[in-house]
Amino acid sequence: MDRTLESLRRIIAQVLPHRDPALVFKDLNVVSMLQEFWESKQQQRAAFPSEGVVVYESLPAPGPPFVSYVTLPGGSCFGNFQCCLSRAEARRDAAKVALINSLFNELPSRRITKEFIMESVREAVASTSGTLDDADDPSTSVGAYHYMLESNMGKTMLEFQELMTFFQLLHWNGSLKALRETKCSRQEVISYYSQYSLDEKMRSHMALDWIMKERESPGIVSQELRMALRQLEEARKAGQELRFYKEKKEILSLALTQICSDPDTSSPSDDQLSLTALCGYH
């Protein structure tokens, strides 16, 4: 732990040279510090040079507790995990979580190296009850993960998280399964989708897929949205990276808006009534 803190202090001294490392996390103006950190990174063209700056989003609420999200260049998202009595406090708390994660991302241990890949593959094998031989077989989940890590050698974990979130969403959406049914290998599927990015066009395509699923199984969108909201809330309170859950919520909300504006999308049912009740949420 002491070595980690010392490493963070060195990073702060490099990226924010005029800041006192001992006072960084006590500074009430952590919002400006986070902005300054990423502006400095982009000036160095060290990470996400084509992306925008830090973006905040506060959920509408009539009163406390308030919730705020902060999205970093590259797409990683964090939120306040404390119970905040004002929007400003929620914004500061979210910025603090994001700043800590941004600093940790600068540690050498957070960069994808051969040693990092070996350790990650071993952990993946243990969690899937597979074998190390699976790592060399792109047709297995461990092999596909190994291939993705190898393809992103040298990147940081926040950079790699962007790609992982994209493929998590494709898997959840059923897009990977659909492409594999064309007899493509996992490696070919990964190579195919690596040409695309998670943008408004891709979100619209995924929302359209869920509208089609709603026609086949009325109520499925509201069910998935309730689950996504619960997962987002639990992950936020745990201080975890939120983009996967937040993107699910946005995609399902987009589909729900279209479904609510088109009464003929699916036949009425008890689930449809609960879906309609959620139509005001976005």
Protein backbone atom coordinates (compact mmCIF):
# COMPACT_ATOMS: atom_id res chain seq x y z
CA MET A 1 0.00 0.00 0.00
CA ASP A 2 2.81 2.43 0.90
CA ARG A 3 4.47 1.80 -2.44
CA THR A 4 1.18 2.40 -4.24
CA LEU A 5 0.65 5.73 -2.46
CA GLU A 6 4.21 6.75 -3.24
CA SER A 7 3.65 5.88 -6.91
CA LEU A 8 0.47 7.98 -6.95
CA ARG A 9 2.37 10.92 -5.43
CA ARG A 10 4.98 10.67 -8.19
CA ILE A 11 2.25 10.64 -10.83
CA ILE A 12 0.60 13.71 -9.28
CA ALA A 13 3.95 15.48 -9.24
CA GLN A 14 4.41 14.69 -12.95
CA VAL A 15 0.92 15.52 -14.22
CA LEU A 16 -0.02 18.24 -11.71
CA PRO A 17 3.38 19.66 -10.72
CA HIS A 18 2.00 22.71 -8.89
CA ARG A 19 -0.24 20.59 -6.63
CA ASP A 20 0.81 19.27 -3.24
CA PRO A 21 0.34 15.45 -3.49
CA ALA A 22 -0.43 15.23 0.22
CA LEU A 23 -3.40 17.59 -0.18
CA VAL A 24 -4.82 16.39 -3.51
CA PHE A 25 -7.74 14.38 -2.15
CA LYS A 26 -8.50 16.98 0.53
CA ASP A 27 -8.84 19.76 -2.02
CA LEU A 28 -12.50 20.86 -2.23
CA ASN A 29 -11.97 21.87 -5.85
CA VAL A 30 -11.46 18.27 -6.99
CA VAL A 31 -13.69 18.97 -10.03
CA SER A 32 -11.16 21.41 -11.48
CA MET A 33 -8.32 19.06 -10.58
CA LEU A 34 -9.88 16.22 -12.57
CA GLN A 35 -10.37 18.55 -15.55
CA GLU A 36 -6.80 19.76 -15.24
CA PHE A 37 -5.48 16.19 -15.07
CA TRP A 38 -7.12 15.13 -18.34
CA GLU A 39 -6.29 18.38 -20.13
CA SER A 40 -2.67 17.80 -19.19
CA LYS A 41 -2.87 14.21 -20.47
CA GLN A 42 -4.33 15.35 -23.78
CA GLN A 43 -1.71 18.08 -24.21
CA GLN A 44 0.88 15.34 -23.83
CA ARG A 45 -1.21 13.28 -26.30
CA ALA A 46 -0.73 10.42 -23.89
CA ALA A 47 -4.32 9.21 -23.89
CA PHE A 48 -7.46 9.59 -26.00
CA PRO A 49 -6.15 12.59 -28.00
CA SER A 50 -9.28 12.77 -30.16
CA GLU A 51 -11.80 12.67 -27.31
CA GLY A 52 -13.50 15.56 -25.57
CA VAL A 53 -12.98 16.72 -22.02
CA VAL A 54 -14.59 15.52 -18.79
CA VAL A 55 -18.42 15.51 -18.91
CA TYR A 56 -20.78 15.60 -15.92
CA GLU A 57 -24.40 14.52 -15.70
CA SER A 58 -26.72 15.02 -12.74
CA LEU A 59 -29.86 12.93 -12.47
CA PRO A 60 -33.02 15.03 -12.04
CA ALA A 61 -34.38 14.68 -8.52
CA PRO A 62 -36.78 16.77 -6.39
CA GLY A 63 -34.54 16.39 -3.36
CA PRO A 64 -31.67 14.44 -1.80
CA PRO A 65 -29.97 12.08 -2.14
CA PHE A 66 -28.55 13.41 -5.41
CA VAL A 67 -26.70 11.38 -8.03
CA SER A 68 -24.00 12.63 -10.40
CA TYR A 69 -22.02 10.82 -13.10
CA VAL A 70 -18.73 11.86 -14.68
CA THR A 71 -17.56 10.49 -18.03
CA LEU A 72 -13.85 10.66 -18.82
CA PRO A 73 -12.19 10.98 -22.23
CA GLY A 74 -12.42 7.52 -23.74
CA GLY A 75 -15.80 6.79 -22.17
CA SER A 76 -15.08 5.42 -18.69
CA CYS A 77 -17.81 6.51 -16.30
CA PHE A 78 -17.92 6.91 -12.52
CA GLY A 79 -20.49 8.21 -10.04
CA ASN A 80 -20.76 9.41 -6.47
CA PHE A 81 -20.95 6.51 -4.04
CA GLN A 82 -21.77 8.55 -0.94
CA CYS A 83 -25.22 9.80 0.02
CA CYS A 84 -25.05 13.45 -1.11
CA LEU A 85 -27.39 16.18 0.11
CA SER A 86 -26.66 18.61 -2.74
CA ARG A 87 -25.92 18.36 -6.46
CA ALA A 88 -22.59 20.11 -5.94
CA GLU A 89 -21.58 17.57 -3.31
CA ALA A 90 -22.58 14.69 -5.61
CA ARG A 91 -20.53 16.21 -8.43
CA ARG A 92 -17.47 16.58 -6.18
CA ASP A 93 -17.83 13.01 -4.91
CA ALA A 94 -18.09 11.64 -8.46
CA ALA A 95 -15.04 13.69 -9.48
CA LYS A 96 -13.08 12.30 -6.53
CA VAL A 97 -13.87 8.70 -7.54
CA ALA A 98 -12.90 9.47 -11.15
CA LEU A 99 -9.66 11.22 -10.14
CA ILE A 100 -8.56 8.32 -7.96
CA ASN A 101 -9.23 5.87 -10.80
CA SER A 102 -7.46 8.16 -13.28
CA LEU A 103 -4.38 8.27 -11.07
CA PHE A 104 -4.38 4.52 -10.50
CA ASN A 105 -4.60 4.09 -14.28
CA GLU A 106 -1.18 5.75 -14.54
CA LEU A 107 0.53 3.06 -12.45
CA PRO A 108 2.80 0.68 -14.42
CA SER A 109 0.73 -2.24 -13.14
CA ARG A 110 -2.32 -0.88 -15.00
CA ARG A 111 -0.67 -1.08 -18.42
CA ILE A 112 -1.13 -4.16 -20.60
CA THR A 113 2.18 -6.00 -20.76
CA LYS A 114 3.07 -9.63 -21.40
CA GLU A 115 3.24 -10.20 -17.65
CA PHE A 116 -0.14 -8.54 -17.18
CA ILE A 117 -1.66 -10.71 -19.93
CA MET A 118 -0.29 -13.91 -18.41
CA GLU A 119 -1.75 -13.04 -15.01
CA SER A 120 -5.10 -11.96 -16.50
CA VAL A 121 -5.37 -15.17 -18.54
CA ARG A 122 -4.63 -17.28 -15.47
CA GLU A 123 -7.39 -15.46 -13.58
CA ALA A 124 -9.78 -15.94 -16.51
CA VAL A 125 -9.00 -19.67 -16.64
CA ALA A 126 -9.64 -20.00 -12.90
CA SER A 127 -12.97 -18.16 -13.13
CA THR A 128 -14.21 -20.28 -16.06
CA SER A 129 -12.92 -23.65 -14.89
CA GLY A 130 -11.04 -23.94 -18.17
CA THR A 131 -7.41 -24.77 -18.90
CA LEU A 132 -4.40 -22.74 -20.00
CA ASP A 133 -4.62 -24.49 -23.37
CA ASP A 134 -7.85 -22.54 -23.95
CA ALA A 135 -5.80 -19.34 -24.12
CA ASP A 136 -4.36 -20.46 -27.45
CA ASP A 137 -7.76 -21.39 -28.90
CA PRO A 138 -9.62 -18.31 -30.24
CA SER A 139 -12.85 -20.35 -30.36
CA THR A 140 -13.02 -20.33 -26.54
CA SER A 141 -13.99 -17.34 -24.38
CA VAL A 142 -10.58 -17.37 -22.67
CA GLY A 143 -8.85 -17.53 -26.06
CA ALA A 144 -10.89 -14.59 -27.35
CA TYR A 145 -10.03 -12.59 -24.22
CA HIS A 146 -6.35 -13.48 -24.71
CA TYR A 147 -6.54 -12.31 -28.32
CA MET A 148 -8.10 -9.00 -27.29
CA LEU A 149 -5.40 -8.39 -24.68
CA GLU A 150 -2.63 -9.19 -27.15
CA SER A 151 -4.21 -6.82 -29.67
CA ASN A 152 -4.10 -3.98 -27.13
CA MET A 153 -0.56 -4.41 -25.85
CA GLY A 154 0.76 -1.21 -24.29
CA LYS A 155 -2.61 0.36 -23.55
CA THR A 156 -3.82 1.23 -20.07
CA MET A 157 -6.77 -0.48 -18.45
CA LEU A 158 -9.04 2.54 -18.93
CA GLU A 159 -8.24 2.45 -22.64
CA PHE A 160 -8.86 -1.29 -22.78
CA GLN A 161 -12.09 -0.85 -20.79
CA GLU A 162 -13.57 1.07 -23.72
CA LEU A 163 -13.17 -1.98 -25.97
CA MET A 164 -14.33 -4.42 -23.28
CA THR A 165 -17.49 -2.41 -22.63
CA PHE A 166 -18.27 -2.39 -26.34
CA PHE A 167 -17.99 -6.17 -26.58
CA GLN A 168 -19.94 -6.66 -23.34
CA LEU A 169 -22.78 -4.66 -24.88
CA LEU A 170 -22.58 -6.59 -28.15
CA HIS A 171 -22.77 -9.86 -26.22
CA TRP A 172 -25.71 -8.61 -24.12
CA ASN A 173 -27.45 -7.35 -27.23
CA GLY A 174 -27.01 -10.67 -29.04
CA SER A 175 -24.95 -9.15 -31.88
CA LEU A 176 -21.97 -11.44 -31.31
CA LYS A 177 -24.18 -14.54 -31.40
CA ALA A 178 -25.85 -13.35 -34.60
CA LEU A 179 -22.51 -12.88 -36.35
CA ARG A 180 -21.16 -16.20 -35.10
CA GLU A 181 -24.20 -17.93 -36.58
CA THR A 182 -22.75 -16.97 -39.96
CA LYS A 183 -19.93 -19.45 -39.12
CA CYS A 184 -17.43 -16.72 -38.25
CA SER A 185 -14.85 -17.64 -35.64
CA ARG A 186 -14.57 -15.66 -32.38
CA GLN A 187 -11.37 -14.06 -33.69
CA GLU A 188 -13.12 -13.01 -36.91
CA VAL A 189 -16.03 -11.60 -34.88
CA ILE A 190 -13.65 -9.58 -32.71
CA SER A 191 -11.74 -8.32 -35.76
CA TYR A 192 -15.01 -7.35 -37.46
CA TYR A 193 -16.42 -5.33 -34.57
CA SER A 194 -13.04 -3.78 -33.70
CA GLN A 195 -13.57 -1.58 -36.76
CA TYR A 196 -16.56 0.07 -35.09
CA SER A 197 -17.02 2.25 -32.03
CA LEU A 198 -19.75 2.77 -29.47
CA ASP A 199 -21.46 5.86 -30.87
CA GLU A 200 -25.00 7.15 -31.36
CA LYS A 201 -25.44 5.12 -34.53
CA MET A 202 -24.44 1.88 -32.79
CA ARG A 203 -26.72 2.69 -29.82
CA SER A 204 -29.62 3.26 -32.22
CA HIS A 205 -28.97 -0.10 -33.90
CA MET A 206 -28.97 -1.83 -30.50
CA ALA A 207 -32.16 -0.04 -29.46
CA LEU A 208 -33.81 -1.22 -32.70
CA ASP A 209 -32.80 -4.79 -31.84
CA TRP A 210 -34.57 -4.47 -28.47
CA ILE A 211 -37.67 -3.05 -30.14
CA MET A 212 -37.78 -6.18 -32.29
CA LYS A 213 -37.31 -8.35 -29.19
CA GLU A 214 -40.24 -6.52 -27.55
CA ARG A 215 -42.48 -7.56 -30.44
CA GLU A 216 -41.53 -11.19 -29.87
CA SER A 217 -41.63 -11.03 -26.04
CA PRO A 218 -43.83 -8.16 -24.76
CA GLY A 219 -42.44 -6.71 -21.54
CA ILE A 220 -38.82 -7.73 -22.07
CA VAL A 221 -37.57 -4.15 -22.47
CA SER A 222 -39.11 -2.97 -19.19
CA GLN A 223 -37.74 -6.06 -17.46
CA GLU A 224 -34.22 -5.44 -18.80
CA LEU A 225 -34.44 -1.74 -17.94
CA ARG A 226 -35.40 -2.45 -14.34
CA MET A 227 -32.43 -4.82 -14.10
CA ALA A 228 -30.07 -2.28 -15.68
CA LEU A 229 -31.19 0.45 -13.27
CA ARG A 230 -30.64 -1.87 -10.30
CA GLN A 231 -27.19 -2.91 -11.55
CA LEU A 232 -26.23 0.72 -12.20
CA GLU A 233 -27.27 1.73 -8.69
CA GLU A 234 -25.41 -1.15 -7.04
CA ALA A 235 -22.24 -0.52 -9.07
CA ARG A 236 -22.34 3.22 -8.32
CA LYS A 237 -22.63 2.69 -4.58
CA ALA A 238 -19.71 0.25 -4.78
CA GLY A 239 -17.53 2.85 -6.54
CA GLN A 240 -17.16 0.72 -9.68
CA GLU A 241 -16.72 1.75 -13.31
CA LEU A 242 -20.26 2.28 -14.65
CA ARG A 243 -20.20 2.59 -18.41
CA PHE A 244 -21.56 -0.89 -19.24
CA TYR A 245 -24.60 -0.48 -16.98
CA LYS A 246 -25.16 3.15 -17.98
CA GLU A 247 -25.02 2.30 -21.69
CA LYS A 248 -27.53 -0.52 -21.14
CA LYS A 249 -29.85 1.96 -19.45
CA GLU A 250 -29.48 4.48 -22.28
CA ILE A 251 -30.07 1.90 -25.04
CA LEU A 252 -33.12 0.43 -23.31
CA SER A 253 -34.50 3.90 -22.54
CA LEU A 254 -34.13 4.80 -26.21
CA ALA A 255 -35.99 1.64 -27.21
CA LEU A 256 -38.64 2.31 -24.56
CA THR A 257 -39.24 5.85 -25.82
CA GLN A 258 -39.94 4.49 -29.30
CA ILE A 259 -42.16 1.70 -27.97
CA CYS A 260 -44.20 4.12 -25.87
CA SER A 261 -44.71 6.39 -28.88
CA ASP A 262 -45.90 3.43 -30.98
CA PRO A 263 -48.81 1.56 -29.32
CA ASP A 264 -48.69 -1.12 -32.04
CA THR A 265 -45.15 -2.20 -31.16
CA SER A 266 -46.46 -5.03 -29.00
CA SER A 267 -49.75 -6.34 -27.73
CA PRO A 268 -51.10 -5.14 -24.34
CA SER A 269 -50.21 -7.24 -21.32
CA ASP A 270 -49.49 -6.89 -17.62
CA ASP A 271 -45.82 -6.44 -18.49
CA GLN A 272 -46.79 -3.80 -21.03
CA LEU A 273 -48.53 -1.83 -18.27
CA SER A 274 -45.35 -1.83 -16.20
CA LEU A 275 -43.41 -0.83 -19.32
CA THR A 276 -45.72 2.15 -19.81
CA ALA A 277 -45.13 3.18 -16.21
CA LEU A 278 -41.41 3.44 -16.96
CA CYS A 279 -41.88 5.51 -20.10
CA GLY A 280 -41.21 8.75 -18.27
CA TYR A 281 -37.76 7.60 -17.18
CA HIS A 282 -34.76 8.57 -19.28
